[in-house]
PDB file of N, CA and C in Angstrom:
ATOM      1  N   MET A   1      14.344  -1.109  -1.922  1.00  0.00           N
ATOM      2  CA  MET A   1      14.517  -1.867  -2.881  1.00  0.00           C
ATOM      3  C   MET A   1      14.393  -1.927  -4.219  1.00  0.00           C
ATOM      4  N   SER A   2      15.408  -2.530  -5.571  1.00  0.00           N
ATOM      5  CA  SER A   2      15.042  -2.108  -6.808  1.00  0.00           C
ATOM      6  C   SER A   2      13.956  -2.728  -6.596  1.00  0.00           C
ATOM      7  N   SER A   3      13.496  -1.725  -8.366  1.00  0.00           N
ATOM      8  CA  SER A   3      12.230  -2.230  -8.917  1.00  0.00           C
ATOM      9  C   SER A   3      12.854  -3.713  -9.508  1.00  0.00           C
ATOM     10  N   GLU A   4      14.359  -3.845 -10.064  1.00  0.00           N
ATOM     11  CA  GLU A   4      14.247  -5.528 -10.710  1.00  0.00           C
ATOM     12  C   GLU A   4      13.393  -6.242  -9.703  1.00  0.00           C
ATOM     13  N   ALA A   5      14.376  -5.795  -8.221  1.00  0.00           N
ATOM     14  CA  ALA A   5      14.075  -7.127  -6.792  1.00  0.00           C
ATOM     15  C   ALA A   5      12.462  -7.195  -7.052  1.00  0.00           C
ATOM     16  N   LYS A   6      11.512  -6.488  -6.776  1.00  0.00           N
ATOM     17  CA  LYS A   6      10.005  -6.536  -7.022  1.00  0.00           C
ATOM     18  C   LYS A   6       9.516  -8.006  -7.979  1.00  0.00           C
ATOM     19  N   LEU A   7      10.430  -7.404  -9.053  1.00  0.00           N
ATOM     20  CA  LEU A   7       9.758  -8.841 -10.228  1.00  0.00           C
ATOM     21  C   LEU A   7       9.818  -9.893  -9.880  1.00  0.00           C
ATOM     22  N   PRO A   8       9.233 -10.911 -10.296  1.00  0.00           N
ATOM     23  CA  PRO A   8       8.981 -12.147 -10.597  1.00  0.00           C
ATOM     24  C   PRO A   8      10.178 -12.673 -11.161  1.00  0.00           C
ATOM     25  N   LYS A   9      10.629 -13.832 -10.056  1.00  0.00           N
ATOM     26  CA  LYS A   9      11.385 -14.698 -10.867  1.00  0.00           C
ATOM     27  C   LYS A   9      11.326 -15.845 -12.037  1.00  0.00           C
ATOM     28  N   LEU A  10      11.684 -15.901 -13.423  1.00  0.00           N
ATOM     29  CA  LEU A  10      11.334 -16.549 -14.184  1.00  0.00           C
ATOM     30  C   LEU A  10      13.005 -17.774 -14.278  1.00  0.00           C
ATOM     31  N   ILE A  11      12.099 -18.501 -13.818  1.00  0.00           N
ATOM     32  CA  ILE A  11      13.120 -20.147 -13.672  1.00  0.00           C
ATOM     33  C   ILE A  11      13.031 -21.235 -14.748  1.00  0.00           C
ATOM     34  N   ASP A  12      13.583 -21.726 -16.261  1.00  0.00           N
ATOM     35  CA  ASP A  12      13.970 -22.411 -17.284  1.00  0.00           C
ATOM     36  C   ASP A  12      14.926 -23.074 -17.319  1.00  0.00           C
ATOM     37  N   VAL A  13      14.119 -24.814 -18.328  1.00  0.00           N
ATOM     38  CA  VAL A  13      15.798 -25.045 -17.991  1.00  0.00           C
ATOM     39  C   VAL A  13      14.922 -26.001 -19.441  1.00  0.00           C
ATOM     40  N   MET A  14      15.655 -25.542 -20.674  1.00  0.00           N
ATOM     41  CA  MET A  14      15.692 -25.893 -22.556  1.00  0.00           C
ATOM     42  C   MET A  14      16.825 -26.500 -22.930  1.00  0.00           C
ATOM     43  N   VAL A  15      16.693 -27.820 -23.979  1.00  0.00           N
ATOM     44  CA  VAL A  15      17.067 -28.770 -23.945  1.00  0.00           C
ATOM     45  C   VAL A  15      17.349 -28.888 -25.862  1.00  0.00           C
ATOM     46  N   SER A  16      17.531 -29.199 -26.333  1.00  0.00           N
ATOM     47  CA  SER A  16      18.713 -28.863 -28.119  1.00  0.00           C
ATOM     48  C   SER A  16      19.923 -30.255 -28.056  1.00  0.00           C
ATOM     49  N   ASP A  17      19.223 -30.936 -29.641  1.00  0.00           N
ATOM     50  CA  ASP A  17      19.713 -32.119 -30.165  1.00  0.00           C
ATOM     51  C   ASP A  17      20.547 -31.011 -31.433  1.00  0.00           C
ATOM     52  N   ARG A  18      21.228 -32.048 -31.756  1.00  0.00           N
ATOM     53  CA  ARG A  18      21.732 -32.048 -32.958  1.00  0.00           C
ATOM     54  C   ARG A  18      20.850 -32.988 -34.600  1.00  0.00           C
ATOM     55  N   ASP A  19      20.328 -32.052 -35.461  1.00  0.00           N
ATOM     56  CA  ASP A  19      19.783 -32.777 -36.547  1.00  0.00           C
ATOM     57  C   ASP A  19      20.941 -33.340 -38.316  1.00  0.00           C
ATOM     58  N   GLU A  20      19.976 -33.578 -38.164  1.00  0.00           N
ATOM     59  CA  GLU A  20      21.325 -33.826 -39.376  1.00  0.00           C
ATOM     60  C   GLU A  20      22.120 -33.104 -40.188  1.00  0.00           C
ATOM     61  N   GLU A  21      22.064 -32.381 -39.682  1.00  0.00           N
ATOM     62  CA  GLU A  21      23.361 -30.722 -41.056  1.00  0.00           C
ATOM     63  C   GLU A  21      24.533 -30.257 -39.027  1.00  0.00           C
ATOM     64  N   GLY A  22      23.771 -31.009 -38.149  1.00  0.00           N
ATOM     65  CA  GLY A  22      24.558 -30.574 -37.243  1.00  0.00           C
ATOM     66  C   GLY A  22      23.899 -29.598 -36.591  1.00  0.00           C
ATOM     67  N   GLU A  23      23.440 -29.713 -36.615  1.00  0.00           N
ATOM     68  CA  GLU A  23      23.032 -27.411 -36.117  1.00  0.00           C
ATOM     69  C   GLU A  23      22.245 -27.801 -35.147  1.00  0.00           C
ATOM     70  N   LEU A  24      22.019 -27.574 -34.208  1.00  0.00           N
ATOM     71  CA  LEU A  24      21.681 -27.556 -33.453  1.00  0.00           C
ATOM     72  C   LEU A  24      20.041 -27.000 -32.873  1.00  0.00           C
ATOM     73  N   GLN A  25      19.262 -27.798 -32.822  1.00  0.00           N
ATOM     74  CA  GLN A  25      17.633 -27.678 -31.862  1.00  0.00           C
ATOM     75  C   GLN A  25      16.889 -27.201 -31.240  1.00  0.00           C
ATOM     76  N   THR A  26      15.671 -26.457 -30.277  1.00  0.00           N
ATOM     77  CA  THR A  26      15.537 -26.849 -29.536  1.00  0.00           C
ATOM     78  C   THR A  26      14.749 -28.234 -29.473  1.00  0.00           C
ATOM     79  N   VAL A  27      14.422 -29.295 -28.801  1.00  0.00           N
ATOM     80  CA  VAL A  27      12.891 -29.838 -28.654  1.00  0.00           C
ATOM     81  C   VAL A  27      12.661 -29.680 -27.282  1.00  0.00           C
ATOM     82  N   PHE A  28      12.519 -29.047 -26.837  1.00  0.00           N
ATOM     83  CA  PHE A  28      12.315 -29.219 -25.520  1.00  0.00           C
ATOM     84  C   PHE A  28      12.785 -27.557 -24.768  1.00  0.00           C
ATOM     85  N   GLY A  29      11.463 -26.762 -24.485  1.00  0.00           N
ATOM     86  CA  GLY A  29      11.453 -26.127 -23.020  1.00  0.00           C
ATOM     87  C   GLY A  29      11.858 -24.710 -24.623  1.00  0.00           C
ATOM     88  N   PRO A  30      11.901 -23.423 -24.116  1.00  0.00           N
ATOM     89  CA  PRO A  30      12.275 -23.203 -22.505  1.00  0.00           C
ATOM     90  C   PRO A  30      11.261 -23.157 -21.966  1.00  0.00           C
ATOM     91  N   VAL A  31      11.171 -24.157 -20.444  1.00  0.00           N
ATOM     92  CA  VAL A  31       9.785 -24.930 -19.239  1.00  0.00           C
ATOM     93  C   VAL A  31      10.055 -24.261 -18.190  1.00  0.00           C
ATOM     94  N   ASP A  32       9.449 -23.646 -17.809  1.00  0.00           N
ATOM     95  CA  ASP A  32       9.324 -23.479 -16.428  1.00  0.00           C
ATOM     96  C   ASP A  32       9.879 -23.989 -15.565  1.00  0.00           C
ATOM     97  N   GLN A  33      10.113 -23.754 -15.124  1.00  0.00           N
ATOM     98  CA  GLN A  33      10.092 -23.825 -13.536  1.00  0.00           C
ATOM     99  C   GLN A  33      10.151 -23.427 -11.920  1.00  0.00           C
ATOM    100  N   GLN A  34       9.636 -24.933 -10.894  1.00  0.00           N
ATOM    101  CA  GLN A  34       8.901 -24.076  -9.625  1.00  0.00           C
ATOM    102  C   GLN A  34      10.461 -23.403  -8.457  1.00  0.00           C
ATOM    103  N   SER A  35      11.347 -23.602  -8.902  1.00  0.00           N
ATOM    104  CA  SER A  35      12.774 -23.597  -7.799  1.00  0.00           C
ATOM    105  C   SER A  35      13.999 -23.830  -9.092  1.00  0.00           C
ATOM    106  N   GLU A  36      15.009 -23.255  -8.338  1.00  0.00           N
ATOM    107  CA  GLU A  36      16.285 -23.145  -9.314  1.00  0.00           C
ATOM    108  C   GLU A  36      16.782 -24.083  -8.843  1.00  0.00           C
ATOM    109  N   GLU A  37      16.047 -25.134  -7.613  1.00  0.00           N
ATOM    110  CA  GLU A  37      16.749 -26.094  -7.369  1.00  0.00           C
ATOM    111  C   GLU A  37      16.362 -28.226  -8.323  1.00  0.00           C
ATOM    112  N   ARG A  38      14.836 -27.160  -8.525  1.00  0.00           N
ATOM    113  CA  ARG A  38      14.241 -28.534  -9.205  1.00  0.00           C
ATOM    114  C   ARG A  38      14.962 -27.964 -10.574  1.00  0.00           C
ATOM    115  N   ALA A  39      14.935 -26.685 -11.657  1.00  0.00           N
ATOM    116  CA  ALA A  39      16.010 -26.983 -12.854  1.00  0.00           C
ATOM    117  C   ALA A  39      17.297 -27.904 -12.541  1.00  0.00           C
ATOM    118  N   VAL A  40      17.910 -27.348 -11.970  1.00  0.00           N
ATOM    119  CA  VAL A  40      18.993 -27.529 -11.632  1.00  0.00           C
ATOM    120  C   VAL A  40      18.904 -29.746 -11.760  1.00  0.00           C
ATOM    121  N   ARG A  41      17.705 -30.119 -11.438  1.00  0.00           N
ATOM    122  CA  ARG A  41      17.430 -31.702 -10.385  1.00  0.00           C
ATOM    123  C   ARG A  41      17.196 -31.946 -13.097  1.00  0.00           C
ATOM    124  N   ILE A  42      16.173 -31.370 -13.227  1.00  0.00           N
ATOM    125  CA  ILE A  42      16.225 -32.123 -13.983  1.00  0.00           C
ATOM    126  C   ILE A  42      16.693 -31.701 -15.734  1.00  0.00           C
ATOM    127  N   ALA A  43      17.507 -30.529 -15.310  1.00  0.00           N
ATOM    128  CA  ALA A  43      18.511 -30.664 -16.673  1.00  0.00           C
ATOM    129  C   ALA A  43      19.459 -31.386 -15.743  1.00  0.00           C
ATOM    130  N   LYS A  44      20.575 -31.613 -15.281  1.00  0.00           N
ATOM    131  CA  LYS A  44      21.263 -32.646 -15.359  1.00  0.00           C
ATOM    132  C   LYS A  44      20.686 -34.396 -15.756  1.00  0.00           C
ATOM    133  N   GLY A  45      18.894 -34.531 -15.183  1.00  0.00           N
ATOM    134  CA  GLY A  45      18.586 -35.433 -15.566  1.00  0.00           C
ATOM    135  C   GLY A  45      18.610 -35.809 -16.607  1.00  0.00           C
ATOM    136  N   LEU A  46      18.391 -34.680 -17.929  1.00  0.00           N
ATOM    137  CA  LEU A  46      18.541 -34.620 -19.105  1.00  0.00           C
ATOM    138  C   LEU A  46      20.476 -34.430 -20.355  1.00  0.00           C
ATOM    139  N   THR A  47      20.669 -34.722 -19.535  1.00  0.00           N
ATOM    140  CA  THR A  47      22.406 -35.122 -20.651  1.00  0.00           C
ATOM    141  C   THR A  47      23.113 -35.661 -20.518  1.00  0.00           C
ATOM    142  N   ASP A  48      22.100 -37.037 -19.832  1.00  0.00           N
ATOM    143  CA  ASP A  48      22.356 -38.321 -21.261  1.00  0.00           C
ATOM    144  C   ASP A  48      21.642 -37.944 -22.167  1.00  0.00           C
ATOM    145  N   LYS A  49      20.918 -37.240 -22.058  1.00  0.00           N
ATOM    146  CA  LYS A  49      19.145 -37.857 -23.664  1.00  0.00           C
ATOM    147  C   LYS A  49      19.744 -36.993 -24.811  1.00  0.00           C
ATOM    148  N   HIS A  50      20.431 -35.989 -24.085  1.00  0.00           N
ATOM    149  CA  HIS A  50      19.822 -34.495 -24.892  1.00  0.00           C
ATOM    150  C   HIS A  50      21.365 -34.259 -25.422  1.00  0.00           C
ATOM    151  N   ALA A  51      21.979 -33.238 -26.545  1.00  0.00           N
ATOM    152  CA  ALA A  51      23.265 -32.692 -26.253  1.00  0.00           C
ATOM    153  C   ALA A  51      23.888 -31.409 -25.906  1.00  0.00           C
ATOM    154  N   GLU A  52      22.401 -30.996 -25.872  1.00  0.00           N
ATOM    155  CA  GLU A  52      22.721 -29.681 -25.083  1.00  0.00           C
ATOM    156  C   GLU A  52      21.519 -29.505 -24.240  1.00  0.00           C
ATOM    157  N   VAL A  53      22.416 -29.227 -23.162  1.00  0.00           N
ATOM    158  CA  VAL A  53      20.941 -28.987 -21.614  1.00  0.00           C
ATOM    159  C   VAL A  53      21.523 -28.243 -20.933  1.00  0.00           C
ATOM    160  N   ILE A  54      20.505 -26.540 -20.512  1.00  0.00           N
ATOM    161  CA  ILE A  54      20.550 -26.172 -19.778  1.00  0.00           C
ATOM    162  C   ILE A  54      19.161 -25.273 -18.930  1.00  0.00           C
ATOM    163  N   ALA A  55      19.629 -24.748 -17.673  1.00  0.00           N
ATOM    164  CA  ALA A  55      18.845 -24.412 -16.525  1.00  0.00           C
ATOM    165  C   ALA A  55      19.252 -22.482 -16.614  1.00  0.00           C
ATOM    166  N   TRP A  56      18.299 -21.927 -16.766  1.00  0.00           N
ATOM    167  CA  TRP A  56      18.809 -20.709 -16.306  1.00  0.00           C
ATOM    168  C   TRP A  56      17.675 -19.740 -15.305  1.00  0.00           C
ATOM    169  N   SER A  57      17.769 -18.602 -14.237  1.00  0.00           N
ATOM    170  CA  SER A  57      16.833 -17.636 -14.474  1.00  0.00           C
ATOM    171  C   SER A  57      17.048 -16.870 -14.266  1.00  0.00           C
ATOM    172  N   ARG A  58      15.806 -15.569 -14.349  1.00  0.00           N
ATOM    173  CA  ARG A  58      16.277 -14.240 -13.920  1.00  0.00           C
ATOM    174  C   ARG A  58      15.049 -13.721 -14.084  1.00  0.00           C
ATOM    175  N   VAL A  59      14.797 -11.805 -13.995  1.00  0.00           N
ATOM    176  CA  VAL A  59      14.037 -11.528 -12.986  1.00  0.00           C
ATOM    177  C   VAL A  59      13.064 -11.058 -14.243  1.00  0.00           C
ATOM    178  N   ALA A  60      12.217 -10.813 -14.330  1.00  0.00           N
ATOM    179  CA  ALA A  60      11.072 -10.861 -15.466  1.00  0.00           C
ATOM    180  C   ALA A  60      10.436  -9.731 -15.388  1.00  0.00           C
ATOM    181  N   ASP A  61       9.385  -8.976 -15.788  1.00  0.00           N
ATOM    182  CA  ASP A  61       7.899  -8.371 -16.312  1.00  0.00           C
ATOM    183  C   ASP A  61       7.456  -9.448 -17.357  1.00  0.00           C
ATOM    184  N   VAL A  62       6.589 -10.289 -17.145  1.00  0.00           N
ATOM    185  CA  VAL A  62       6.274 -10.748 -18.589  1.00  0.00           C
ATOM    186  C   VAL A  62       5.226  -9.526 -18.973  1.00  0.00           C
ATOM    187  N   ALA A  63       4.381  -9.027 -18.296  1.00  0.00           N
ATOM    188  CA  ALA A  63       3.144  -8.715 -19.012  1.00  0.00           C
ATOM    189  C   ALA A  63       3.510  -7.150 -19.665  1.00  0.00           C
ATOM    190  N   LEU A  64       4.746  -6.384 -19.525  1.00  0.00           N
ATOM    191  CA  LEU A  64       5.765  -5.200 -19.711  1.00  0.00           C
ATOM    192  C   LEU A  64       6.747  -5.757 -21.086  1.00  0.00           C
ATOM    193  N   GLY A  65       7.152  -7.330 -21.326  1.00  0.00           N
ATOM    194  CA  GLY A  65       8.022  -7.909 -21.886  1.00  0.00           C
ATOM    195  C   GLY A  65       9.543  -7.703 -21.253  1.00  0.00           C
ATOM    196  N   GLU A  66       9.887  -6.731 -19.940  1.00  0.00           N
ATOM    197  CA  GLU A  66      10.759  -6.836 -19.597  1.00  0.00           C
ATOM    198  C   GLU A  66      11.764  -7.812 -18.603  1.00  0.00           C
ATOM    199  N   TYR A  67      13.169  -8.006 -19.478  1.00  0.00           N
ATOM    200  CA  TYR A  67      13.546  -9.062 -18.573  1.00  0.00           C
ATOM    201  C   TYR A  67      15.130  -8.558 -17.907  1.00  0.00           C
ATOM    202  N   GLY A  68      15.230  -9.298 -17.349  1.00  0.00           N
ATOM    203  CA  GLY A  68      16.358  -9.404 -16.850  1.00  0.00           C
ATOM    204  C   GLY A  68      17.183  -9.749 -17.257  1.00  0.00           C
ATOM    205  N   GLU A  69      18.493  -9.334 -17.186  1.00  0.00           N
ATOM    206  CA  GLU A  69      20.259 -11.175 -17.611  1.00  0.00           C
ATOM    207  C   GLU A  69      19.702 -12.313 -16.830  1.00  0.00           C
ATOM    208  N   PRO A  70      19.649 -13.347 -18.285  1.00  0.00           N
ATOM    209  CA  PRO A  70      19.836 -14.880 -17.320  1.00  0.00           C
ATOM    210  C   PRO A  70      21.278 -15.072 -16.961  1.00  0.00           C
ATOM    211  N   THR A  71      21.106 -15.140 -15.642  1.00  0.00           N
ATOM    212  CA  THR A  71      21.877 -16.185 -14.529  1.00  0.00           C
ATOM    213  C   THR A  71      21.631 -17.755 -14.670  1.00  0.00           C
ATOM    214  N   VAL A  72      22.901 -18.226 -15.352  1.00  0.00           N
ATOM    215  CA  VAL A  72      23.496 -20.394 -16.244  1.00  0.00           C
ATOM    216  C   VAL A  72      23.493 -20.275 -14.737  1.00  0.00           C
ATOM    217  N   LEU A  73      22.078 -21.545 -14.704  1.00  0.00           N
ATOM    218  CA  LEU A  73      22.695 -22.058 -13.523  1.00  0.00           C
ATOM    219  C   LEU A  73      22.537 -23.489 -12.988  1.00  0.00           C
ATOM    220  N   PHE A  74      22.835 -23.946 -14.280  1.00  0.00           N
ATOM    221  CA  PHE A  74      23.326 -25.430 -14.933  1.00  0.00           C
ATOM    222  C   PHE A  74      23.305 -25.433 -16.460  1.00  0.00           C
ATOM    223  N   GLN A  75      25.269 -25.417 -17.225  1.00  0.00           N
ATOM    224  CA  GLN A  75      24.686 -26.137 -18.860  1.00  0.00           C
ATOM    225  C   GLN A  75      25.331 -27.859 -18.992  1.00  0.00           C
ATOM    226  N   ALA A  76      25.151 -27.757 -20.045  1.00  0.00           N
ATOM    227  CA  ALA A  76      25.405 -29.142 -20.240  1.00  0.00           C
ATOM    228  C   ALA A  76      25.987 -28.450 -21.912  1.00  0.00           C
ATOM    229  N   GLY A  77      27.089 -28.960 -21.941  1.00  0.00           N
ATOM    230  CA  GLY A  77      27.262 -28.680 -23.872  1.00  0.00           C
ATOM    231  C   GLY A  77      27.600 -26.864 -24.418  1.00  0.00           C
ATOM    232  N   ALA A  78      27.453 -26.548 -25.206  1.00  0.00           N
ATOM    233  CA  ALA A  78      27.465 -25.202 -25.617  1.00  0.00           C
ATOM    234  C   ALA A  78      26.096 -24.942 -26.327  1.00  0.00           C
ATOM    235  N   MET A  79      24.830 -24.216 -26.256  1.00  0.00           N
ATOM    236  CA  MET A  79      23.840 -23.749 -26.525  1.00  0.00           C
ATOM    237  C   MET A  79      24.299 -22.322 -26.051  1.00  0.00           C
ATOM    238  N   PRO A  80      22.884 -22.349 -27.479  1.00  0.00           N
ATOM    239  CA  PRO A  80      22.921 -20.573 -28.140  1.00  0.00           C
ATOM    240  C   PRO A  80      22.824 -19.402 -27.181  1.00  0.00           C
ATOM    241  N   ASP A  81      22.404 -18.437 -27.708  1.00  0.00           N
ATOM    242  CA  ASP A  81      22.483 -17.884 -26.819  1.00  0.00           C
ATOM    243  C   ASP A  81      21.085 -17.109 -25.880  1.00  0.00           C
ATOM    244  N   VAL A  82      20.682 -17.477 -24.301  1.00  0.00           N
ATOM    245  CA  VAL A  82      19.203 -16.597 -24.438  1.00  0.00           C
ATOM    246  C   VAL A  82      18.343 -15.064 -24.567  1.00  0.00           C
ATOM    247  N   GLU A  83      18.089 -15.366 -24.865  1.00  0.00           N
ATOM    248  CA  GLU A  83      17.277 -14.039 -25.014  1.00  0.00           C
ATOM    249  C   GLU A  83      16.126 -14.172 -24.784  1.00  0.00           C
TER     250      GLU A  83
END
């Protein structure tokens, strides 16, 4: 088993809207979710209310500040890079 496989998985949802100048501004999140299914369900439910919505997951060691590559679970609109 690789060390990455042993790390906990972070699952998040983030939402953005455009401001008066048309720039994306985060208005919600990233907010941790309990499961990938829940993250996708919440993200889909927000698509009618916001310009940009994304749900993603990645393995992470938060204590050490080490994060794996994000895997997009659901995306509506063009989101900025997830870091």
